[in-house]
Amino acid sequence: MATNPKSPAEAQALKARRDADGKKAMAEYEASAEATRAKTERLRALRMARDAALPPVVAPVKGAKKTKSTKAKKETGKLADWIKTQEDSGRSF
């Protein structure tokens, strides 16, 4: 991308073009940043208005306990019973 100018006039023209490109890029960057700030400010105002219109949220009480489910816990068998059923079915250990 680097081109070697053949004369001092070409070098000055190349430098002027680079300077102009740099200024244009900075202008675009600053315009984009300003648009982002304006959008953020607008969205913040909308969020604050929405939050002000809603009733306050009440935090749950820390000491409150949840009720356990009504399902009965399945009875778990013992290892000895499982081994016995495996041996009875013909499996060897």
N, C-alpha and C. Protein backbone atom coordinates (compact mmCIF):
# COMPACT_ATOMS: atom_id res chain seq x y z
N MET A 1 0.82 -1.18 0.00
CA MET A 1 0.00 0.00 0.00
C MET A 1 0.87 1.25 0.00
N ALA A 2 2.06 1.14 0.51
CA ALA A 2 2.97 2.28 0.52
C ALA A 2 3.48 2.52 -0.90
N THR A 3 3.24 3.71 -1.39
CA THR A 3 3.72 4.05 -2.72
C THR A 3 4.86 5.04 -2.57
N ASN A 4 5.86 4.85 -3.33
CA ASN A 4 7.01 5.75 -3.29
C ASN A 4 6.78 6.88 -4.29
N PRO A 5 6.70 8.12 -3.80
CA PRO A 5 6.50 9.24 -4.74
C PRO A 5 7.77 9.46 -5.56
N LYS A 6 7.55 9.87 -6.79
CA LYS A 6 8.68 10.06 -7.71
C LYS A 6 9.22 11.49 -7.65
N SER A 7 8.42 12.39 -7.12
CA SER A 7 8.88 13.77 -7.04
C SER A 7 8.40 14.39 -5.72
N PRO A 8 9.00 15.48 -5.33
CA PRO A 8 8.54 16.14 -4.10
C PRO A 8 7.09 16.61 -4.19
N ALA A 9 6.63 16.96 -5.34
CA ALA A 9 5.23 17.39 -5.51
C ALA A 9 4.29 16.22 -5.25
N GLU A 10 4.65 15.04 -5.75
CA GLU A 10 3.83 13.85 -5.49
C GLU A 10 3.84 13.52 -4.00
N ALA A 11 4.98 13.70 -3.35
CA ALA A 11 5.07 13.43 -1.91
C ALA A 11 4.16 14.36 -1.13
N GLN A 12 4.14 15.63 -1.52
CA GLN A 12 3.26 16.59 -0.83
C GLN A 12 1.80 16.25 -1.08
N ALA A 13 1.48 15.85 -2.30
CA ALA A 13 0.10 15.49 -2.62
C ALA A 13 -0.33 14.26 -1.83
N LEU A 14 0.57 13.29 -1.72
CA LEU A 14 0.28 12.08 -0.96
C LEU A 14 0.07 12.40 0.52
N LYS A 15 0.92 13.27 1.05
CA LYS A 15 0.79 13.67 2.46
C LYS A 15 -0.52 14.43 2.67
N ALA A 16 -0.88 15.30 1.76
CA ALA A 16 -2.12 16.06 1.87
C ALA A 16 -3.33 15.12 1.84
N ARG A 17 -3.27 14.11 0.97
CA ARG A 17 -4.36 13.14 0.88
C ARG A 17 -4.50 12.35 2.19
N ARG A 18 -3.36 11.94 2.74
CA ARG A 18 -3.38 11.21 4.03
C ARG A 18 -3.95 12.08 5.14
N ASP A 19 -3.54 13.34 5.18
CA ASP A 19 -4.06 14.26 6.20
C ASP A 19 -5.57 14.43 6.07
N ALA A 20 -6.03 14.58 4.82
CA ALA A 20 -7.47 14.74 4.59
C ALA A 20 -8.23 13.47 5.01
N ASP A 21 -7.66 12.30 4.69
CA ASP A 21 -8.30 11.04 5.08
C ASP A 21 -8.36 10.92 6.61
N GLY A 22 -7.28 11.33 7.27
CA GLY A 22 -7.24 11.28 8.73
C GLY A 22 -8.28 12.19 9.35
N LYS A 23 -8.40 13.41 8.83
CA LYS A 23 -9.40 14.35 9.35
C LYS A 23 -10.81 13.83 9.12
N LYS A 24 -11.03 13.25 7.94
CA LYS A 24 -12.36 12.70 7.63
C LYS A 24 -12.69 11.54 8.56
N ALA A 25 -11.71 10.67 8.81
CA ALA A 25 -11.94 9.53 9.70
C ALA A 25 -12.23 10.00 11.12
N MET A 26 -11.51 11.01 11.60
CA MET A 26 -11.75 11.53 12.95
C MET A 26 -13.14 12.16 13.05
N ALA A 27 -13.54 12.87 12.00
CA ALA A 27 -14.86 13.49 12.00
C ALA A 27 -15.95 12.41 12.07
N GLU A 28 -15.77 11.33 11.30
CA GLU A 28 -16.74 10.24 11.34
C GLU A 28 -16.77 9.58 12.72
N TYR A 29 -15.59 9.40 13.30
CA TYR A 29 -15.50 8.78 14.63
C TYR A 29 -16.20 9.65 15.67
N GLU A 30 -15.94 10.94 15.65
CA GLU A 30 -16.55 11.84 16.62
C GLU A 30 -18.06 11.92 16.42
N ALA A 31 -18.53 11.91 15.18
CA ALA A 31 -19.96 11.94 14.91
C ALA A 31 -20.62 10.66 15.43
N SER A 32 -19.96 9.52 15.23
CA SER A 32 -20.49 8.26 15.73
C SER A 32 -20.54 8.25 17.26
N ALA A 33 -19.49 8.76 17.90
CA ALA A 33 -19.46 8.80 19.36
C ALA A 33 -20.55 9.73 19.88
N GLU A 34 -20.77 10.85 19.24
CA GLU A 34 -21.82 11.78 19.68
C GLU A 34 -23.19 11.15 19.50
N ALA A 35 -23.40 10.43 18.40
CA ALA A 35 -24.69 9.75 18.19
C ALA A 35 -24.92 8.69 19.26
N THR A 36 -23.86 7.98 19.63
CA THR A 36 -23.98 6.95 20.67
C THR A 36 -24.32 7.58 22.01
N ARG A 37 -23.67 8.70 22.34
CA ARG A 37 -23.97 9.39 23.60
C ARG A 37 -25.41 9.88 23.63
N ALA A 38 -25.89 10.44 22.51
CA ALA A 38 -27.27 10.94 22.45
C ALA A 38 -28.26 9.80 22.60
N LYS A 39 -27.99 8.67 21.94
CA LYS A 39 -28.89 7.52 22.04
C LYS A 39 -28.91 6.98 23.47
N THR A 40 -27.73 6.91 24.10
CA THR A 40 -27.65 6.42 25.47
C THR A 40 -28.42 7.33 26.41
N GLU A 41 -28.28 8.64 26.22
CA GLU A 41 -29.01 9.59 27.06
C GLU A 41 -30.52 9.44 26.89
N ARG A 42 -30.96 9.26 25.64
CA ARG A 42 -32.39 9.11 25.37
C ARG A 42 -32.93 7.83 26.00
N LEU A 43 -32.19 6.73 25.84
CA LEU A 43 -32.65 5.46 26.41
C LEU A 43 -32.64 5.49 27.93
N ARG A 44 -31.65 6.17 28.52
CA ARG A 44 -31.62 6.30 29.98
C ARG A 44 -32.83 7.07 30.48
N ALA A 45 -33.19 8.16 29.78
CA ALA A 45 -34.36 8.94 30.17
C ALA A 45 -35.63 8.09 30.07
N LEU A 46 -35.75 7.30 29.02
CA LEU A 46 -36.92 6.42 28.88
C LEU A 46 -36.97 5.39 29.99
N ARG A 47 -35.82 4.80 30.33
CA ARG A 47 -35.79 3.80 31.39
C ARG A 47 -36.14 4.42 32.74
N MET A 48 -35.62 5.60 33.01
CA MET A 48 -35.92 6.27 34.28
C MET A 48 -37.41 6.61 34.38
N ALA A 49 -38.01 7.05 33.27
CA ALA A 49 -39.43 7.36 33.27
C ALA A 49 -40.26 6.10 33.48
N ARG A 50 -39.86 5.01 32.84
CA ARG A 50 -40.57 3.74 33.00
C ARG A 50 -40.47 3.25 34.44
N ASP A 51 -39.28 3.32 35.01
CA ASP A 51 -39.09 2.86 36.39
C ASP A 51 -39.84 3.73 37.39
N ALA A 52 -39.96 5.02 37.10
CA ALA A 52 -40.68 5.92 38.00
C ALA A 52 -42.18 5.63 37.96
N ALA A 53 -42.68 5.16 36.82
CA ALA A 53 -44.10 4.89 36.68
C ALA A 53 -44.51 3.57 37.33
N LEU A 54 -43.58 2.63 37.46
CA LEU A 54 -43.89 1.33 38.06
C LEU A 54 -43.88 1.42 39.57
N PRO A 55 -44.71 0.60 40.24
CA PRO A 55 -44.66 0.58 41.70
C PRO A 55 -43.34 -0.02 42.15
N PRO A 56 -42.88 0.36 43.34
CA PRO A 56 -41.61 -0.17 43.82
C PRO A 56 -41.69 -1.68 44.05
N VAL A 57 -40.58 -2.35 43.81
CA VAL A 57 -40.51 -3.79 43.98
C VAL A 57 -40.17 -4.09 45.43
N VAL A 58 -40.93 -4.97 46.04
CA VAL A 58 -40.69 -5.35 47.42
C VAL A 58 -39.78 -6.57 47.43
N ALA A 59 -38.69 -6.47 48.18
CA ALA A 59 -37.75 -7.59 48.26
C ALA A 59 -38.35 -8.68 49.13
N PRO A 60 -38.14 -9.95 48.78
CA PRO A 60 -38.68 -11.03 49.59
C PRO A 60 -38.00 -11.07 50.96
N VAL A 61 -38.75 -11.55 51.95
CA VAL A 61 -38.24 -11.65 53.31
C VAL A 61 -37.17 -12.74 53.33
N LYS A 62 -36.05 -12.45 53.98
CA LYS A 62 -34.93 -13.38 53.97
C LYS A 62 -35.22 -14.66 54.73
N GLY A 63 -35.97 -14.60 55.81
CA GLY A 63 -36.19 -15.77 56.65
C GLY A 63 -37.31 -16.68 56.16
N ALA A 64 -38.01 -16.32 55.10
CA ALA A 64 -39.12 -17.13 54.61
C ALA A 64 -38.60 -18.44 54.03
N LYS A 65 -39.26 -19.53 54.39
CA LYS A 65 -38.87 -20.85 53.89
C LYS A 65 -39.86 -21.29 52.82
N LYS A 66 -39.35 -21.98 51.86
CA LYS A 66 -40.20 -22.52 50.81
C LYS A 66 -40.76 -23.84 51.29
N THR A 67 -41.97 -24.15 50.83
CA THR A 67 -42.58 -25.42 51.22
C THR A 67 -42.01 -26.53 50.36
N LYS A 68 -41.90 -27.69 50.94
CA LYS A 68 -41.39 -28.83 50.19
C LYS A 68 -42.49 -29.39 49.31
N SER A 69 -42.09 -30.07 48.28
CA SER A 69 -43.07 -30.64 47.37
C SER A 69 -43.81 -31.78 48.07
N THR A 70 -44.98 -32.08 47.58
CA THR A 70 -45.81 -33.10 48.20
C THR A 70 -45.48 -34.50 47.72
N LYS A 71 -44.58 -34.62 46.77
CA LYS A 71 -44.22 -35.94 46.28
C LYS A 71 -43.46 -36.71 47.36
N ALA A 72 -43.82 -37.95 47.51
CA ALA A 72 -43.13 -38.77 48.49
C ALA A 72 -41.79 -39.19 47.93
N LYS A 73 -40.79 -39.21 48.79
CA LYS A 73 -39.46 -39.61 48.35
C LYS A 73 -39.46 -41.11 48.13
N LYS A 74 -38.91 -41.50 47.01
CA LYS A 74 -38.88 -42.91 46.66
C LYS A 74 -37.93 -43.64 47.60
N GLU A 75 -38.35 -44.76 48.07
CA GLU A 75 -37.54 -45.56 48.99
C GLU A 75 -36.36 -46.12 48.21
N THR A 76 -35.18 -45.85 48.70
CA THR A 76 -33.99 -46.35 48.03
C THR A 76 -33.60 -47.67 48.67
N GLY A 77 -33.20 -48.59 47.83
CA GLY A 77 -32.80 -49.90 48.33
C GLY A 77 -31.37 -49.90 48.81
N LYS A 78 -30.99 -50.98 49.42
CA LYS A 78 -29.64 -51.11 49.92
C LYS A 78 -28.78 -51.78 48.86
N LEU A 79 -27.49 -51.59 48.98
CA LEU A 79 -26.56 -52.17 48.03
C LEU A 79 -26.62 -53.69 48.08
N ALA A 80 -26.76 -54.22 49.26
CA ALA A 80 -26.81 -55.68 49.41
C ALA A 80 -28.01 -56.26 48.66
N ASP A 81 -29.13 -55.55 48.69
CA ASP A 81 -30.32 -56.02 47.97
C ASP A 81 -30.08 -56.00 46.46
N TRP A 82 -29.42 -54.97 45.97
CA TRP A 82 -29.15 -54.86 44.55
C TRP A 82 -28.21 -55.98 44.11
N ILE A 83 -27.18 -56.24 44.90
CA ILE A 83 -26.24 -57.31 44.57
C ILE A 83 -26.95 -58.66 44.54
N LYS A 84 -27.83 -58.86 45.50
CA LYS A 84 -28.60 -60.12 45.58
C LYS A 84 -29.44 -60.30 44.32
N THR A 85 -30.12 -59.24 43.87
CA THR A 85 -30.95 -59.36 42.66
C THR A 85 -30.09 -59.61 41.43
N GLN A 86 -28.90 -59.02 41.38
CA GLN A 86 -28.00 -59.25 40.26
C GLN A 86 -27.50 -60.68 40.24
N GLU A 87 -27.16 -61.22 41.39
CA GLU A 87 -26.70 -62.61 41.46
C GLU A 87 -27.82 -63.58 41.12
N ASP A 88 -29.04 -63.26 41.56
CA ASP A 88 -30.18 -64.12 41.26
C ASP A 88 -30.49 -64.14 39.77
N SER A 89 -30.19 -63.04 39.07
CA SER A 89 -30.47 -63.01 37.64
C SER A 89 -29.35 -63.64 36.81
N GLY A 90 -28.33 -64.18 37.48
CA GLY A 90 -27.28 -64.90 36.77
C GLY A 90 -26.01 -64.11 36.56
N ARG A 91 -25.92 -62.97 37.12
CA ARG A 91 -24.72 -62.18 36.97
C ARG A 91 -23.71 -62.56 38.04
N SER A 92 -22.44 -62.59 37.68
CA SER A 92 -21.44 -62.95 38.66
C SER A 92 -20.53 -61.75 38.90
N PHE A 93 -20.07 -61.66 40.13
CA PHE A 93 -19.19 -60.54 40.50
C PHE A 93 -17.85 -61.01 40.88
